[in-house]
């Protein structure tokens, strides 16, 4: 009775102990987790016609951007950007401004986590940017261009053009929610972005350098947790249920014995042997044959139980799951598991090999004297 109670307590505790030596994985997150918003401002340099007539400072103009995005994993995310202001351009020596708005969809690649294993939130992240977008320029009828060839006022027509973008962003974490970002991105535009398309250049382009702040909403970052094997959890639940049932049966048996006025004398050794029953379930990770440290407690208790029943022989029955692999592969896993249990009982706990029988099952096969398939390992008395 005490052995069964001990097994029940051990089974209840196993789920917590297992995590201490399990594999690592990322906590699962929902759709509304790991969203962020960014505010950015900086300068833009425009590459367009008549480039040779402009100084570097003569082609610089201000730009701003607002980004909303989400990271799906430590490595990959996306954002939507809305931005714009003015773009300085040159027509045969005269500078004029093009007012514009842009909308982009960018894919984000955290290079720090792609090239280095993610172990937790970093204080610095280098993020690669690839995106596409649309740029809208506004009509302007009062562009003053005074040149030898085209003097007077000119009209810039409104345009809509596609854009291809690539860039890098350096993210410096300031706290749990805030970080400072510095970004450089280049945008390849259609030739009429600046209202001109009659000169030698085949495309216009812009280079943006921005600095800004990023705010992350609730559930920021990605936590690393212990992997939970659904098969393991199901097996542990099955153990708990089966052992509770055994405790109930033993309790009823002992209560019925106490109700008998004159119980028949039973030899002590025979009582011990009659008390032998299904005594152990060893849980393995799916597809694995390594005895985890938390399962050694079950095996230790099983070994002690076997030693207390010197006249009984015990069967190690190994199962596998047909839904995961082929019958041949399942049988190989079963054989490896039973061998691991057999060797530990024999070598570590000095159980004679003659008292142990090994049987291996694949999928739906089961011995007649076992009511449950655990898809793991059963150790039970063989009579």
Protein backbone atom coordinates (compact mmCIF):
# COMPACT_ATOMS: atom_id res chain seq x y z
CA UNK A 1 0.00 0.00 0.00
CA UNK A 2 2.79 2.43 0.89
CA UNK A 3 4.54 1.65 -2.38
CA UNK A 4 1.46 2.59 -4.38
CA UNK A 5 1.01 5.82 -2.45
CA UNK A 6 4.65 6.66 -3.10
CA UNK A 7 4.24 6.01 -6.81
CA UNK A 8 1.17 8.25 -6.92
CA UNK A 9 3.02 11.14 -5.30
CA UNK A 10 5.99 10.63 -7.61
CA UNK A 11 3.77 10.65 -10.70
CA UNK A 12 2.14 13.92 -9.63
CA UNK A 13 5.53 15.52 -9.11
CA UNK A 14 7.06 14.22 -12.35
CA UNK A 15 5.66 16.90 -14.65
CA UNK A 16 7.45 19.63 -12.67
CA UNK A 17 10.70 17.71 -12.32
CA UNK A 18 10.82 16.80 -15.99
CA UNK A 19 11.16 20.43 -17.03
CA UNK A 20 14.45 20.78 -15.17
CA UNK A 21 16.23 18.54 -17.64
CA UNK A 22 14.09 18.99 -20.76
CA UNK A 23 14.78 20.63 -24.06
CA UNK A 24 14.43 24.38 -24.46
CA UNK A 25 11.84 26.03 -26.65
CA UNK A 26 10.14 29.39 -27.12
CA UNK A 27 6.96 30.17 -25.26
CA UNK A 28 3.95 30.27 -27.57
CA UNK A 29 2.63 33.74 -28.32
CA UNK A 30 -0.63 34.98 -29.76
CA UNK A 31 -1.46 37.33 -32.61
CA UNK A 32 -1.52 40.45 -30.41
CA UNK A 33 1.85 39.80 -28.78
CA UNK A 34 5.18 41.46 -29.66
CA UNK A 35 3.75 44.47 -31.51
CA UNK A 36 5.70 47.73 -31.61
CA UNK A 37 5.41 51.31 -32.84
CA UNK A 38 8.29 53.53 -34.07
CA UNK A 39 8.65 57.27 -34.58
CA UNK A 40 11.56 58.36 -36.81
CA UNK A 41 12.97 61.56 -38.24
CA UNK A 42 16.06 62.30 -40.28
CA UNK A 43 17.47 63.34 -43.63
CA UNK A 44 17.06 62.22 -47.21
CA UNK A 45 19.46 62.44 -50.14
CA UNK A 46 17.90 62.16 -53.61
CA UNK A 47 19.65 60.65 -56.63
CA UNK A 48 18.08 61.99 -59.85
CA UNK A 49 18.70 63.92 -63.07
CA UNK A 50 21.25 66.75 -63.23
CA UNK A 51 23.16 65.20 -60.32
CA UNK A 52 26.35 66.92 -61.43
CA UNK A 53 24.89 70.38 -60.81
CA UNK A 54 24.22 69.80 -57.09
CA UNK A 55 26.46 69.84 -54.05
CA UNK A 56 25.93 67.16 -51.41
CA UNK A 57 24.12 69.54 -49.06
CA UNK A 58 22.09 70.84 -51.96
CA UNK A 59 20.31 67.49 -52.32
CA UNK A 60 19.54 66.95 -48.59
CA UNK A 61 16.00 67.31 -47.29
CA UNK A 62 14.06 66.33 -44.14
CA UNK A 63 11.96 63.17 -43.86
CA UNK A 64 9.84 61.53 -41.14
CA UNK A 65 8.28 58.09 -40.71
CA UNK A 66 5.79 56.25 -38.50
CA UNK A 67 6.04 52.46 -38.30
CA UNK A 68 3.76 49.83 -36.78
CA UNK A 69 4.96 46.24 -36.74
CA UNK A 70 5.22 42.87 -35.08
CA UNK A 71 7.89 40.21 -34.57
CA UNK A 72 6.65 36.67 -35.16
CA UNK A 73 9.80 35.10 -33.73
CA UNK A 74 13.19 36.33 -32.43
CA UNK A 75 14.40 36.27 -36.04
CA UNK A 76 11.56 37.49 -38.29
CA UNK A 77 9.04 40.31 -38.18
CA UNK A 78 7.22 42.82 -40.37
CA UNK A 79 6.15 46.45 -40.28
CA UNK A 80 4.01 48.96 -42.15
CA UNK A 81 5.55 52.40 -42.65
CA UNK A 82 4.01 55.74 -43.54
CA UNK A 83 6.38 58.62 -44.19
CA UNK A 84 7.46 61.47 -46.43
CA UNK A 85 8.06 65.25 -46.55
CA UNK A 86 10.13 66.82 -49.33
CA UNK A 87 12.75 65.72 -51.78
CA UNK A 88 15.30 68.22 -53.17
CA UNK A 89 15.99 67.92 -56.88
CA UNK A 90 17.92 69.79 -59.54
CA UNK A 91 16.99 70.89 -63.03
CA UNK A 92 20.02 72.23 -64.91
CA UNK A 93 21.33 74.05 -61.86
CA UNK A 94 18.07 75.14 -60.19
CA UNK A 95 16.93 73.41 -56.98
CA UNK A 96 13.28 72.62 -56.46
CA UNK A 97 11.33 70.54 -53.91
CA UNK A 98 9.03 67.60 -54.54
CA UNK A 99 6.48 66.95 -51.82
CA UNK A 100 5.62 63.28 -51.33
CA UNK A 101 4.12 60.57 -49.12
CA UNK A 102 5.21 56.95 -49.07
CA UNK A 103 3.73 53.70 -47.76
CA UNK A 104 5.85 50.59 -47.34
CA UNK A 105 5.53 47.01 -46.18
CA UNK A 106 8.86 45.78 -44.84
CA UNK A 107 10.11 42.35 -43.84
CA UNK A 108 12.41 42.55 -40.80
CA UNK A 109 15.26 40.13 -40.15
CA UNK A 110 16.99 40.27 -36.77
CA UNK A 111 20.54 39.48 -37.88
CA UNK A 112 21.76 39.26 -34.28
CA UNK A 113 19.41 36.34 -33.60
CA UNK A 114 19.77 34.73 -37.02
CA UNK A 115 23.56 34.43 -36.76
CA UNK A 116 23.73 33.89 -32.99
CA UNK A 117 21.52 31.48 -31.04
CA UNK A 118 18.74 33.34 -29.26
CA UNK A 119 19.11 32.97 -25.50
CA UNK A 120 17.07 35.92 -24.34
CA UNK A 121 16.47 39.62 -24.89
CA UNK A 122 19.54 41.46 -26.24
CA UNK A 123 20.57 45.03 -25.51
CA UNK A 124 21.58 45.49 -29.14
CA UNK A 125 20.00 44.09 -32.31
CA UNK A 126 20.99 44.60 -35.93
CA UNK A 127 17.91 44.32 -38.14
CA UNK A 128 17.90 43.85 -41.90
CA UNK A 129 15.08 45.44 -43.93
CA UNK A 130 13.62 44.38 -47.29
CA UNK A 131 10.40 45.94 -48.53
CA UNK A 132 8.17 47.25 -51.26
CA UNK A 133 5.99 50.33 -51.32
CA UNK A 134 4.18 53.08 -53.18
CA UNK A 135 5.26 56.73 -53.38
CA UNK A 136 2.81 59.53 -54.17
CA UNK A 137 4.10 62.95 -55.24
CA UNK A 138 1.90 66.04 -55.17
CA UNK A 139 1.21 68.34 -58.10
CA UNK A 140 2.89 71.74 -57.88
CA UNK A 141 2.19 74.50 -60.43
CA UNK A 142 4.63 77.02 -59.00
CA UNK A 143 8.04 75.43 -59.29
CA UNK A 144 10.41 78.27 -60.09
CA UNK A 145 13.14 77.03 -62.38
CA UNK A 146 15.27 79.76 -63.95
CA UNK A 147 17.73 78.24 -66.38
CA UNK A 148 19.11 79.15 -69.75
CA UNK A 149 17.12 76.36 -71.36
CA UNK A 150 13.87 76.33 -69.35
CA UNK A 151 13.30 79.67 -67.60
CA UNK A 152 10.26 80.61 -65.51
CA UNK A 153 7.63 78.62 -63.64
CA UNK A 154 7.13 74.95 -64.24
CA UNK A 155 4.37 72.54 -63.21
CA UNK A 156 5.18 69.23 -61.52
CA UNK A 157 2.48 66.69 -62.14
CA UNK A 158 1.27 64.24 -59.50
CA UNK A 159 2.73 60.73 -59.79
CA UNK A 160 2.34 57.33 -58.17
CA UNK A 161 5.23 54.93 -58.44
CA UNK A 162 6.36 51.68 -56.90
CA UNK A 163 9.44 51.43 -54.73
CA UNK A 164 11.87 48.71 -53.71
CA UNK A 165 13.68 49.11 -50.41
CA UNK A 166 16.65 47.62 -48.55
CA UNK A 167 18.25 48.81 -45.33
CA UNK A 168 19.66 48.20 -41.87
CA UNK A 169 18.46 49.31 -38.45
CA UNK A 170 20.51 49.35 -35.25
CA UNK A 171 18.29 48.93 -32.18
CA UNK A 172 19.67 49.95 -28.76
CA UNK A 173 17.48 48.81 -25.88
CA UNK A 174 16.80 51.50 -23.27
CA UNK A 175 14.51 49.45 -21.04
CA UNK A 176 11.81 46.81 -21.08
CA UNK A 177 9.53 48.78 -23.41
CA UNK A 178 11.69 51.45 -25.09
CA UNK A 179 14.65 51.39 -27.42
CA UNK A 180 16.57 53.85 -29.59
CA UNK A 181 16.82 53.02 -33.29
CA UNK A 182 19.13 54.32 -36.01
CA UNK A 183 18.20 53.31 -39.56
CA UNK A 184 19.57 53.70 -43.06
CA UNK A 185 17.49 52.58 -46.04
CA UNK A 186 17.77 52.99 -49.79
CA UNK A 187 14.74 53.23 -52.09
CA UNK A 188 14.72 52.59 -55.83
CA UNK A 189 12.00 54.68 -57.52
CA UNK A 190 10.56 55.22 -60.97
CA UNK A 191 12.28 57.83 -63.13
CA UNK A 192 9.40 60.32 -62.92
CA UNK A 193 9.45 60.51 -59.09
CA UNK A 194 10.86 64.03 -59.25
CA UNK A 195 8.73 65.15 -62.20
CA UNK A 196 11.49 64.62 -64.75
CA UNK A 197 12.11 61.67 -67.06
CA UNK A 198 13.78 63.21 -70.07
CA UNK A 199 17.40 62.90 -69.06
CA UNK A 200 19.85 60.02 -69.01
CA UNK A 201 19.05 58.48 -65.60
CA UNK A 202 16.81 55.39 -65.82
CA UNK A 203 15.59 55.53 -62.19
CA UNK A 204 15.44 57.91 -59.28
CA UNK A 205 16.50 56.83 -55.82
CA UNK A 206 16.62 58.10 -52.24
CA UNK A 207 18.87 57.33 -49.29
CA UNK A 208 17.27 57.93 -45.89
CA UNK A 209 19.07 58.12 -42.54
CA UNK A 210 16.73 58.30 -39.55
CA UNK A 211 16.86 58.19 -35.79
CA UNK A 212 13.88 57.38 -33.61
CA UNK A 213 12.26 55.63 -30.67
CA UNK A 214 10.59 52.22 -30.54
CA UNK A 215 7.88 51.34 -28.05
CA UNK A 216 6.99 47.67 -27.50
CA UNK A 217 3.58 46.68 -26.21
CA UNK A 218 2.75 43.98 -23.65
CA UNK A 219 4.47 40.57 -23.79
CA UNK A 220 7.63 42.13 -25.12
CA UNK A 221 10.31 39.80 -26.41
CA UNK A 222 10.39 36.01 -26.49
CA UNK A 223 10.80 33.89 -23.36
CA UNK A 224 12.64 30.56 -23.42
CA UNK A 225 10.85 27.78 -21.57
CA UNK A 226 11.18 24.03 -21.18
CA UNK A 227 9.73 21.99 -24.02
CA UNK A 228 6.56 20.15 -23.11
CA UNK A 229 6.09 16.85 -24.91
CA UNK A 230 2.31 16.24 -25.36
CA UNK A 231 2.93 12.49 -25.30
CA UNK A 232 4.78 12.86 -22.01
CA UNK A 233 2.03 14.93 -20.43
CA UNK A 234 -0.61 12.45 -21.56
CA UNK A 235 1.41 9.55 -20.18
CA UNK A 236 1.89 11.29 -16.84
CA UNK A 237 -1.84 11.95 -16.64
CA UNK A 238 -2.49 8.30 -17.43
CA UNK A 239 -0.09 7.28 -14.67
CA UNK A 240 -1.84 9.47 -12.15
CA UNK A 241 -5.26 8.12 -13.09
CA UNK A 242 -4.16 4.48 -13.03
CA UNK A 243 -2.35 4.81 -9.72
CA UNK A 244 -5.32 6.57 -8.13
CA UNK A 245 -7.46 3.65 -9.25
CA UNK A 246 -5.00 1.21 -7.70
CA UNK A 247 -5.01 3.11 -4.44
CA UNK A 248 -8.82 2.96 -4.44
CA UNK A 249 -8.78 -0.80 -5.09
CA UNK A 250 -6.21 -1.47 -2.38
CA UNK A 251 -8.12 0.66 0.08
CA UNK A 252 -11.31 -1.28 -0.63
CA UNK A 253 -9.42 -4.56 -0.30
CA UNK A 254 -7.95 -3.67 3.09
CA UNK A 255 -11.27 -2.32 4.35
CA UNK A 256 -12.99 -5.57 3.38
CA UNK A 257 -10.32 -7.59 5.18
CA UNK A 258 -10.79 -5.55 8.36
CA UNK A 259 -14.55 -6.22 8.19
CA UNK A 260 -14.01 -10.02 8.43
CA UNK A 261 -14.31 -11.18 12.04
CA UNK A 262 -11.93 -14.10 11.77
CA UNK A 263 -9.54 -13.63 8.91
CA UNK A 264 -7.76 -16.70 7.68
CA UNK A 265 -4.07 -16.85 8.62
CA UNK A 266 -1.84 -16.01 5.66
CA UNK A 267 1.87 -16.58 5.53
CA UNK A 268 3.83 -13.34 5.52
CA UNK A 269 5.82 -14.17 2.42
CA UNK A 270 2.73 -15.23 0.51
CA UNK A 271 0.99 -11.96 1.45
CA UNK A 272 3.90 -10.02 0.11
CA UNK A 273 3.82 -11.94 -3.14
CA UNK A 274 0.05 -11.57 -3.49
CA UNK A 275 0.48 -7.83 -3.10
CA UNK A 276 2.60 -7.71 -6.26
CA UNK A 277 0.91 -6.08 -9.21
CA UNK A 278 1.61 -3.50 -11.93
CA UNK A 279 4.33 -1.47 -10.24
CA UNK A 280 5.98 0.90 -12.64
CA UNK A 281 5.69 3.06 -15.73
CA UNK A 282 8.82 4.71 -17.15
CA UNK A 283 8.14 7.67 -19.45
CA UNK A 284 10.35 8.44 -22.46
CA UNK A 285 10.35 11.43 -24.76
CA UNK A 286 8.77 10.76 -28.13
CA UNK A 287 11.21 8.91 -30.35
CA UNK A 288 13.89 8.77 -27.62
CA UNK A 289 15.35 5.88 -25.63
CA UNK A 290 17.28 7.82 -22.97
CA UNK A 291 16.09 7.51 -19.37
CA UNK A 292 15.63 11.08 -18.11
CA UNK A 293 16.87 11.89 -14.62
CA UNK A 294 13.36 12.55 -13.30
CA UNK A 295 12.28 9.06 -14.40
CA UNK A 296 15.06 7.41 -12.39
CA UNK A 297 12.93 7.92 -9.30
CA UNK A 298 10.32 5.57 -10.77
CA UNK A 299 13.00 3.07 -11.69
CA UNK A 300 14.56 3.21 -8.22
CA UNK A 301 11.20 2.55 -6.60
CA UNK A 302 10.58 -0.30 -9.05
CA UNK A 303 13.95 -1.87 -8.22
CA UNK A 304 13.20 -1.74 -4.49
CA UNK A 305 9.81 -3.30 -5.11
CA UNK A 306 11.34 -6.13 -7.13
CA UNK A 307 13.84 -6.80 -4.35
CA UNK A 308 11.00 -7.04 -1.82
CA UNK A 309 9.35 -9.74 -3.96
CA UNK A 310 12.19 -12.23 -4.42
CA UNK A 311 9.93 -15.04 -5.66
CA UNK A 312 8.33 -13.04 -8.44
CA UNK A 313 9.52 -12.44 -11.96
CA UNK A 314 8.84 -9.21 -13.79
CA UNK A 315 8.25 -8.25 -17.40
CA UNK A 316 9.56 -5.09 -19.05
CA UNK A 317 7.07 -4.24 -21.78
CA UNK A 318 8.00 -1.46 -24.18
CA UNK A 319 5.51 0.39 -26.41
CA UNK A 320 5.74 2.95 -29.20
CA UNK A 321 3.32 5.17 -31.10
CA UNK A 322 2.23 4.06 -34.60
CA UNK A 323 0.93 7.55 -35.43
CA UNK A 324 4.44 8.97 -35.49
CA UNK A 325 6.52 6.47 -37.48
CA UNK A 326 6.50 3.13 -39.27
CA UNK A 327 6.04 -0.19 -37.47
CA UNK A 328 9.71 -1.11 -38.01
CA UNK A 329 10.94 2.18 -36.62
CA UNK A 330 8.56 1.91 -33.68
CA UNK A 331 9.84 -1.56 -32.88
CA UNK A 332 13.45 -0.33 -32.95
CA UNK A 333 12.59 2.43 -30.48
CA UNK A 334 10.76 -0.09 -28.26
CA UNK A 335 13.80 -2.40 -28.21
CA UNK A 336 16.16 0.46 -27.34
CA UNK A 337 13.90 1.61 -24.49
CA UNK A 338 13.48 -1.82 -22.95
CA UNK A 339 17.23 -2.43 -23.21
CA UNK A 340 17.92 0.84 -21.36
CA UNK A 341 15.54 -0.11 -18.51
CA UNK A 342 16.79 -3.72 -18.38
CA UNK A 343 20.44 -2.65 -18.18
CA UNK A 344 19.84 -0.07 -15.45
CA UNK A 345 17.91 -2.55 -13.29
CA UNK A 346 20.58 -5.21 -13.78
CA UNK A 347 23.74 -3.09 -13.55
CA UNK A 348 22.82 -0.24 -11.20
CA UNK A 349 20.34 -1.98 -8.90
CA UNK A 350 21.75 -5.51 -9.08
CA UNK A 351 18.52 -7.19 -10.15
CA UNK A 352 19.34 -10.69 -11.52
CA UNK A 353 18.73 -10.88 -15.24
CA UNK A 354 16.93 -14.21 -14.71
CA UNK A 355 14.12 -12.36 -12.92
CA UNK A 356 13.50 -10.00 -15.84
CA UNK A 357 11.76 -10.70 -19.13
CA UNK A 358 11.76 -8.21 -22.01
CA UNK A 359 8.99 -7.90 -24.58
CA UNK A 360 8.70 -5.24 -27.25
CA UNK A 361 5.50 -4.03 -28.89
CA UNK A 362 4.78 -1.74 -31.79
CA UNK A 363 1.61 0.35 -31.79
CA UNK A 364 -1.63 -1.53 -31.13
CA UNK A 365 -0.04 -4.74 -29.83
CA UNK A 366 -0.36 -5.34 -26.10
CA UNK A 367 0.10 -8.21 -23.63
CA UNK A 368 -3.09 -9.79 -22.37
CA UNK A 369 -2.44 -8.96 -18.72
CA UNK A 370 -1.99 -5.20 -19.23
CA UNK A 371 -5.10 -3.05 -19.58
CA UNK A 372 -3.50 0.19 -20.80
CA UNK A 373 -1.13 1.11 -23.57
CA UNK A 374 1.21 3.82 -22.32
CA UNK A 375 3.28 4.17 -25.51
CA UNK A 376 6.26 4.10 -23.17
CA UNK A 377 7.48 1.37 -20.74
CA UNK A 378 5.48 -0.87 -18.38
CA UNK A 379 7.07 -3.01 -15.70
CA UNK A 380 4.63 -5.53 -14.28
CA UNK A 381 4.61 -8.83 -12.48
CA UNK A 382 4.75 -11.91 -14.67
CA UNK A 383 2.89 -14.89 -13.18
